[in-house]
Amino acid sequence: MNSLEIDIYKKIKQAIIQQRLRPNMQLIEKDLAESFGVSPLSVMFCADWNMKNW
């Protein structure tokens, strides 16, 4: 995982801790990317890596 993906991972984790992302909430890559100021492709790569290594 590169530094951008690590940063996205940390932002998603923080959003979960702060309850901005809640259980059963539909997560749309485009919306996450917009809120984190990154490309949707970066969010997709981060999610893909985490699913493979969960």
PDB file of N, CA and C in Angstrom:
ATOM      1  N   MET A   1       0.864  -1.171   0.000  1.00  0.00           N
ATOM      2  CA  MET A   1       0.000   0.000   0.000  1.00  0.00           C
ATOM      3  C   MET A   1       0.908   1.231   0.000  1.00  0.00           C
ATOM      4  N   ASN A   2       0.591   2.204  -0.856  1.00  0.00           N
ATOM      5  CA  ASN A   2       1.406   3.417  -0.904  1.00  0.00           C
ATOM      6  C   ASN A   2       0.904   4.446   0.124  1.00  0.00           C
ATOM      7  N   SER A   3       1.604   5.555   0.235  1.00  0.00           N
ATOM      8  CA  SER A   3       1.275   6.542   1.277  1.00  0.00           C
ATOM      9  C   SER A   3      -0.108   7.167   1.080  1.00  0.00           C
ATOM     10  N   LEU A   4      -0.546   7.351  -0.173  1.00  0.00           N
ATOM     11  CA  LEU A   4      -1.875   7.907  -0.422  1.00  0.00           C
ATOM     12  C   LEU A   4      -2.943   6.934   0.064  1.00  0.00           C
ATOM     13  N   GLU A   5      -2.768   5.646  -0.232  1.00  0.00           N
ATOM     14  CA  GLU A   5      -3.732   4.641   0.210  1.00  0.00           C
ATOM     15  C   GLU A   5      -3.769   4.538   1.727  1.00  0.00           C
ATOM     16  N   ILE A   6      -2.621   4.657   2.366  1.00  0.00           N
ATOM     17  CA  ILE A   6      -2.563   4.643   3.832  1.00  0.00           C
ATOM     18  C   ILE A   6      -3.319   5.847   4.384  1.00  0.00           C
ATOM     19  N   ASP A   7      -3.142   7.012   3.756  1.00  0.00           N
ATOM     20  CA  ASP A   7      -3.847   8.219   4.184  1.00  0.00           C
ATOM     21  C   ASP A   7      -5.366   8.052   4.037  1.00  0.00           C
ATOM     22  N   ILE A   8      -5.797   7.476   2.923  1.00  0.00           N
ATOM     23  CA  ILE A   8      -7.233   7.242   2.715  1.00  0.00           C
ATOM     24  C   ILE A   8      -7.752   6.264   3.758  1.00  0.00           C
ATOM     25  N   TYR A   9      -7.011   5.197   4.005  1.00  0.00           N
ATOM     26  CA  TYR A   9      -7.391   4.214   5.024  1.00  0.00           C
ATOM     27  C   TYR A   9      -7.582   4.893   6.385  1.00  0.00           C
ATOM     28  N   LYS A  10      -6.639   5.747   6.758  1.00  0.00           N
ATOM     29  CA  LYS A  10      -6.726   6.449   8.041  1.00  0.00           C
ATOM     30  C   LYS A  10      -7.936   7.383   8.088  1.00  0.00           C
ATOM     31  N   LYS A  11      -8.234   8.045   6.975  1.00  0.00           N
ATOM     32  CA  LYS A  11      -9.389   8.943   6.930  1.00  0.00           C
ATOM     33  C   LYS A  11     -10.695   8.160   7.065  1.00  0.00           C
ATOM     34  N   ILE A  12     -10.771   7.008   6.407  1.00  0.00           N
ATOM     35  CA  ILE A  12     -11.969   6.175   6.524  1.00  0.00           C
ATOM     36  C   ILE A  12     -12.108   5.668   7.955  1.00  0.00           C
ATOM     37  N   LYS A  13     -11.012   5.214   8.526  1.00  0.00           N
ATOM     38  CA  LYS A  13     -11.029   4.722   9.914  1.00  0.00           C
ATOM     39  C   LYS A  13     -11.483   5.825  10.870  1.00  0.00           C
ATOM     40  N   GLN A  14     -10.963   7.026  10.687  1.00  0.00           N
ATOM     41  CA  GLN A  14     -11.338   8.153  11.543  1.00  0.00           C
ATOM     42  C   GLN A  14     -12.813   8.500  11.378  1.00  0.00           C
ATOM     43  N   ALA A  15     -13.309   8.438  10.152  1.00  0.00           N
ATOM     44  CA  ALA A  15     -14.728   8.718   9.909  1.00  0.00           C
ATOM     45  C   ALA A  15     -15.616   7.679  10.601  1.00  0.00           C
ATOM     46  N   ILE A  16     -15.163   6.438  10.650  1.00  0.00           N
ATOM     47  CA  ILE A  16     -15.911   5.392  11.360  1.00  0.00           C
ATOM     48  C   ILE A  16     -15.897   5.673  12.857  1.00  0.00           C
ATOM     49  N   ILE A  17     -14.742   5.990  13.390  1.00  0.00           N
ATOM     50  CA  ILE A  17     -14.614   6.280  14.831  1.00  0.00           C
ATOM     51  C   ILE A  17     -15.489   7.475  15.216  1.00  0.00           C
ATOM     52  N   GLN A  18     -15.525   8.486  14.351  1.00  0.00           N
ATOM     53  CA  GLN A  18     -16.324   9.685  14.619  1.00  0.00           C
ATOM     54  C   GLN A  18     -17.800   9.501  14.247  1.00  0.00           C
ATOM     55  N   GLN A  19     -18.140   8.310  13.804  1.00  0.00           N
ATOM     56  CA  GLN A  19     -19.506   7.936  13.434  1.00  0.00           C
ATOM     57  C   GLN A  19     -20.061   8.757  12.268  1.00  0.00           C
ATOM     58  N   ARG A  20     -19.175   9.227  11.413  1.00  0.00           N
ATOM     59  CA  ARG A  20     -19.626   9.859  10.170  1.00  0.00           C
ATOM     60  C   ARG A  20     -19.923   8.791   9.129  1.00  0.00           C
ATOM     61  N   LEU A  21     -19.278   7.629   9.279  1.00  0.00           N
ATOM     62  CA  LEU A  21     -19.583   6.438   8.493  1.00  0.00           C
ATOM     63  C   LEU A  21     -20.141   5.420   9.481  1.00  0.00           C
ATOM     64  N   ARG A  22     -21.346   4.969   9.236  1.00  0.00           N
ATOM     65  CA  ARG A  22     -22.050   4.104  10.185  1.00  0.00           C
ATOM     66  C   ARG A  22     -22.294   2.715   9.607  1.00  0.00           C
ATOM     67  N   PRO A  23     -22.563   1.742  10.497  1.00  0.00           N
ATOM     68  CA  PRO A  23     -22.880   0.390  10.019  1.00  0.00           C
ATOM     69  C   PRO A  23     -24.049   0.423   9.038  1.00  0.00           C
ATOM     70  N   ASN A  24     -23.970  -0.427   8.039  1.00  0.00           N
ATOM     71  CA  ASN A  24     -24.991  -0.577   7.001  1.00  0.00           C
ATOM     72  C   ASN A  24     -25.153   0.648   6.106  1.00  0.00           C
ATOM     73  N   MET A  25     -24.277   1.612   6.251  1.00  0.00           N
ATOM     74  CA  MET A  25     -24.327   2.804   5.401  1.00  0.00           C
ATOM     75  C   MET A  25     -23.728   2.456   4.036  1.00  0.00           C
ATOM     76  N   GLN A  26     -24.415   2.841   2.974  1.00  0.00           N
ATOM     77  CA  GLN A  26     -23.904   2.590   1.642  1.00  0.00           C
ATOM     78  C   GLN A  26     -22.731   3.529   1.375  1.00  0.00           C
ATOM     79  N   LEU A  27     -21.586   2.951   1.032  1.00  0.00           N
ATOM     80  CA  LEU A  27     -20.392   3.744   0.752  1.00  0.00           C
ATOM     81  C   LEU A  27     -20.190   3.802  -0.756  1.00  0.00           C
ATOM     82  N   ILE A  28     -20.178   4.995  -1.275  1.00  0.00           N
ATOM     83  CA  ILE A  28     -20.005   5.205  -2.718  1.00  0.00           C
ATOM     84  C   ILE A  28     -18.622   5.812  -2.926  1.00  0.00           C
ATOM     85  N   GLU A  29     -17.805   5.108  -3.709  1.00  0.00           N
ATOM     86  CA  GLU A  29     -16.413   5.534  -3.903  1.00  0.00           C
ATOM     87  C   GLU A  29     -16.305   6.989  -4.330  1.00  0.00           C
ATOM     88  N   LYS A  30     -17.164   7.398  -5.247  1.00  0.00           N
ATOM     89  CA  LYS A  30     -17.120   8.783  -5.746  1.00  0.00           C
ATOM     90  C   LYS A  30     -17.348   9.779  -4.605  1.00  0.00           C
ATOM     91  N   ASP A  31     -18.311   9.484  -3.739  1.00  0.00           N
ATOM     92  CA  ASP A  31     -18.615  10.379  -2.617  1.00  0.00           C
ATOM     93  C   ASP A  31     -17.484  10.397  -1.593  1.00  0.00           C
ATOM     94  N   LEU A  32     -16.929   9.224  -1.294  1.00  0.00           N
ATOM     95  CA  LEU A  32     -15.794   9.169  -0.368  1.00  0.00           C
ATOM     96  C   LEU A  32     -14.614   9.953  -0.931  1.00  0.00           C
ATOM     97  N   ALA A  33     -14.340   9.734  -2.207  1.00  0.00           N
ATOM     98  CA  ALA A  33     -13.217  10.431  -2.841  1.00  0.00           C
ATOM     99  C   ALA A  33     -13.396  11.943  -2.775  1.00  0.00           C
ATOM    100  N   GLU A  34     -14.602  12.386  -3.047  1.00  0.00           N
ATOM    101  CA  GLU A  34     -14.892  13.820  -3.003  1.00  0.00           C
ATOM    102  C   GLU A  34     -14.689  14.377  -1.597  1.00  0.00           C
ATOM    103  N   SER A  35     -15.164  13.663  -0.597  1.00  0.00           N
ATOM    104  CA  SER A  35     -15.055  14.165   0.777  1.00  0.00           C
ATOM    105  C   SER A  35     -13.612  14.144   1.289  1.00  0.00           C
ATOM    106  N   PHE A  36     -12.782  13.246   0.739  1.00  0.00           N
ATOM    107  CA  PHE A  36     -11.380  13.155   1.171  1.00  0.00           C
ATOM    108  C   PHE A  36     -10.434  13.917   0.252  1.00  0.00           C
ATOM    109  N   GLY A  37     -10.961  14.462  -0.854  1.00  0.00           N
ATOM    110  CA  GLY A  37     -10.135  15.228  -1.774  1.00  0.00           C
ATOM    111  C   GLY A  37      -9.164  14.385  -2.580  1.00  0.00           C
ATOM    112  N   VAL A  38      -9.589  13.169  -2.928  1.00  0.00           N
ATOM    113  CA  VAL A  38      -8.750  12.274  -3.726  1.00  0.00           C
ATOM    114  C   VAL A  38      -9.573  11.754  -4.908  1.00  0.00           C
ATOM    115  N   SER A  39      -8.941  10.979  -5.769  1.00  0.00           N
ATOM    116  CA  SER A  39      -9.666  10.420  -6.913  1.00  0.00           C
ATOM    117  C   SER A  39     -10.426   9.159  -6.503  1.00  0.00           C
ATOM    118  N   PRO A  40     -11.531   8.883  -7.191  1.00  0.00           N
ATOM    119  CA  PRO A  40     -12.267   7.643  -6.912  1.00  0.00           C
ATOM    120  C   PRO A  40     -11.399   6.398  -7.105  1.00  0.00           C
ATOM    121  N   LEU A  41     -10.467   6.459  -8.052  1.00  0.00           N
ATOM    122  CA  LEU A  41      -9.581   5.332  -8.295  1.00  0.00           C
ATOM    123  C   LEU A  41      -8.705   5.046  -7.066  1.00  0.00           C
ATOM    124  N   SER A  42      -8.257   6.093  -6.385  1.00  0.00           N
ATOM    125  CA  SER A  42      -7.455   5.914  -5.174  1.00  0.00           C
ATOM    126  C   SER A  42      -8.256   5.225  -4.077  1.00  0.00           C
ATOM    127  N   VAL A  43      -9.517   5.604  -3.940  1.00  0.00           N
ATOM    128  CA  VAL A  43     -10.390   4.966  -2.949  1.00  0.00           C
ATOM    129  C   VAL A  43     -10.590   3.499  -3.312  1.00  0.00           C
ATOM    130  N   MET A  44     -10.776   3.232  -4.596  1.00  0.00           N
ATOM    131  CA  MET A  44     -10.980   1.859  -5.046  1.00  0.00           C
ATOM    132  C   MET A  44      -9.751   1.002  -4.745  1.00  0.00           C
ATOM    133  N   PHE A  45      -8.545   1.501  -5.020  1.00  0.00           N
ATOM    134  CA  PHE A  45      -7.338   0.741  -4.745  1.00  0.00           C
ATOM    135  C   PHE A  45      -7.185   0.476  -3.257  1.00  0.00           C
ATOM    136  N   CYS A  46      -7.492   1.459  -2.433  1.00  0.00           N
ATOM    137  CA  CYS A  46      -7.405   1.291  -0.982  1.00  0.00           C
ATOM    138  C   CYS A  46      -8.394   0.224  -0.524  1.00  0.00           C
ATOM    139  N   ALA A  47      -9.623   0.289  -1.005  1.00  0.00           N
ATOM    140  CA  ALA A  47     -10.647  -0.680  -0.631  1.00  0.00           C
ATOM    141  C   ALA A  47     -10.276  -2.073  -1.116  1.00  0.00           C
ATOM    142  N   ASP A  48      -9.747  -2.170  -2.332  1.00  0.00           N
ATOM    143  CA  ASP A  48      -9.361  -3.460  -2.894  1.00  0.00           C
ATOM    144  C   ASP A  48      -8.257  -4.092  -2.057  1.00  0.00           C
ATOM    145  N   TRP A  49      -7.253  -3.319  -1.683  1.00  0.00           N
ATOM    146  CA  TRP A  49      -6.146  -3.841  -0.874  1.00  0.00           C
ATOM    147  C   TRP A  49      -6.666  -4.316   0.481  1.00  0.00           C
ATOM    148  N   ASN A  50      -7.536  -3.538   1.099  1.00  0.00           N
ATOM    149  CA  ASN A  50      -8.042  -3.912   2.418  1.00  0.00           C
ATOM    150  C   ASN A  50      -8.907  -5.166   2.362  1.00  0.00           C
ATOM    151  N   MET A  51      -9.680  -5.332   1.307  1.00  0.00           N
ATOM    152  CA  MET A  51     -10.515  -6.529   1.183  1.00  0.00           C
ATOM    153  C   MET A  51      -9.643  -7.775   1.032  1.00  0.00           C
ATOM    154  N   LYS A  52      -8.536  -7.663   0.330  1.00  0.00           N
ATOM    155  CA  LYS A  52      -7.641  -8.809   0.127  1.00  0.00           C
ATOM    156  C   LYS A  52      -6.853  -9.141   1.395  1.00  0.00           C
ATOM    157  N   ASN A  53      -6.649  -8.167   2.250  1.00  0.00           N
ATOM    158  CA  ASN A  53      -5.803  -8.352   3.433  1.00  0.00           C
ATOM    159  C   ASN A  53      -6.560  -8.305   4.736  1.00  0.00           C
ATOM    160  N   TRP A  54      -7.867  -8.363   4.673  1.00  0.00           N
ATOM    161  CA  TRP A  54      -8.700  -8.276   5.884  1.00  0.00           C
ATOM    162  C   TRP A  54      -8.579  -9.487   6.721  1.00  0.00           C
TER     163      TRP A  54
END
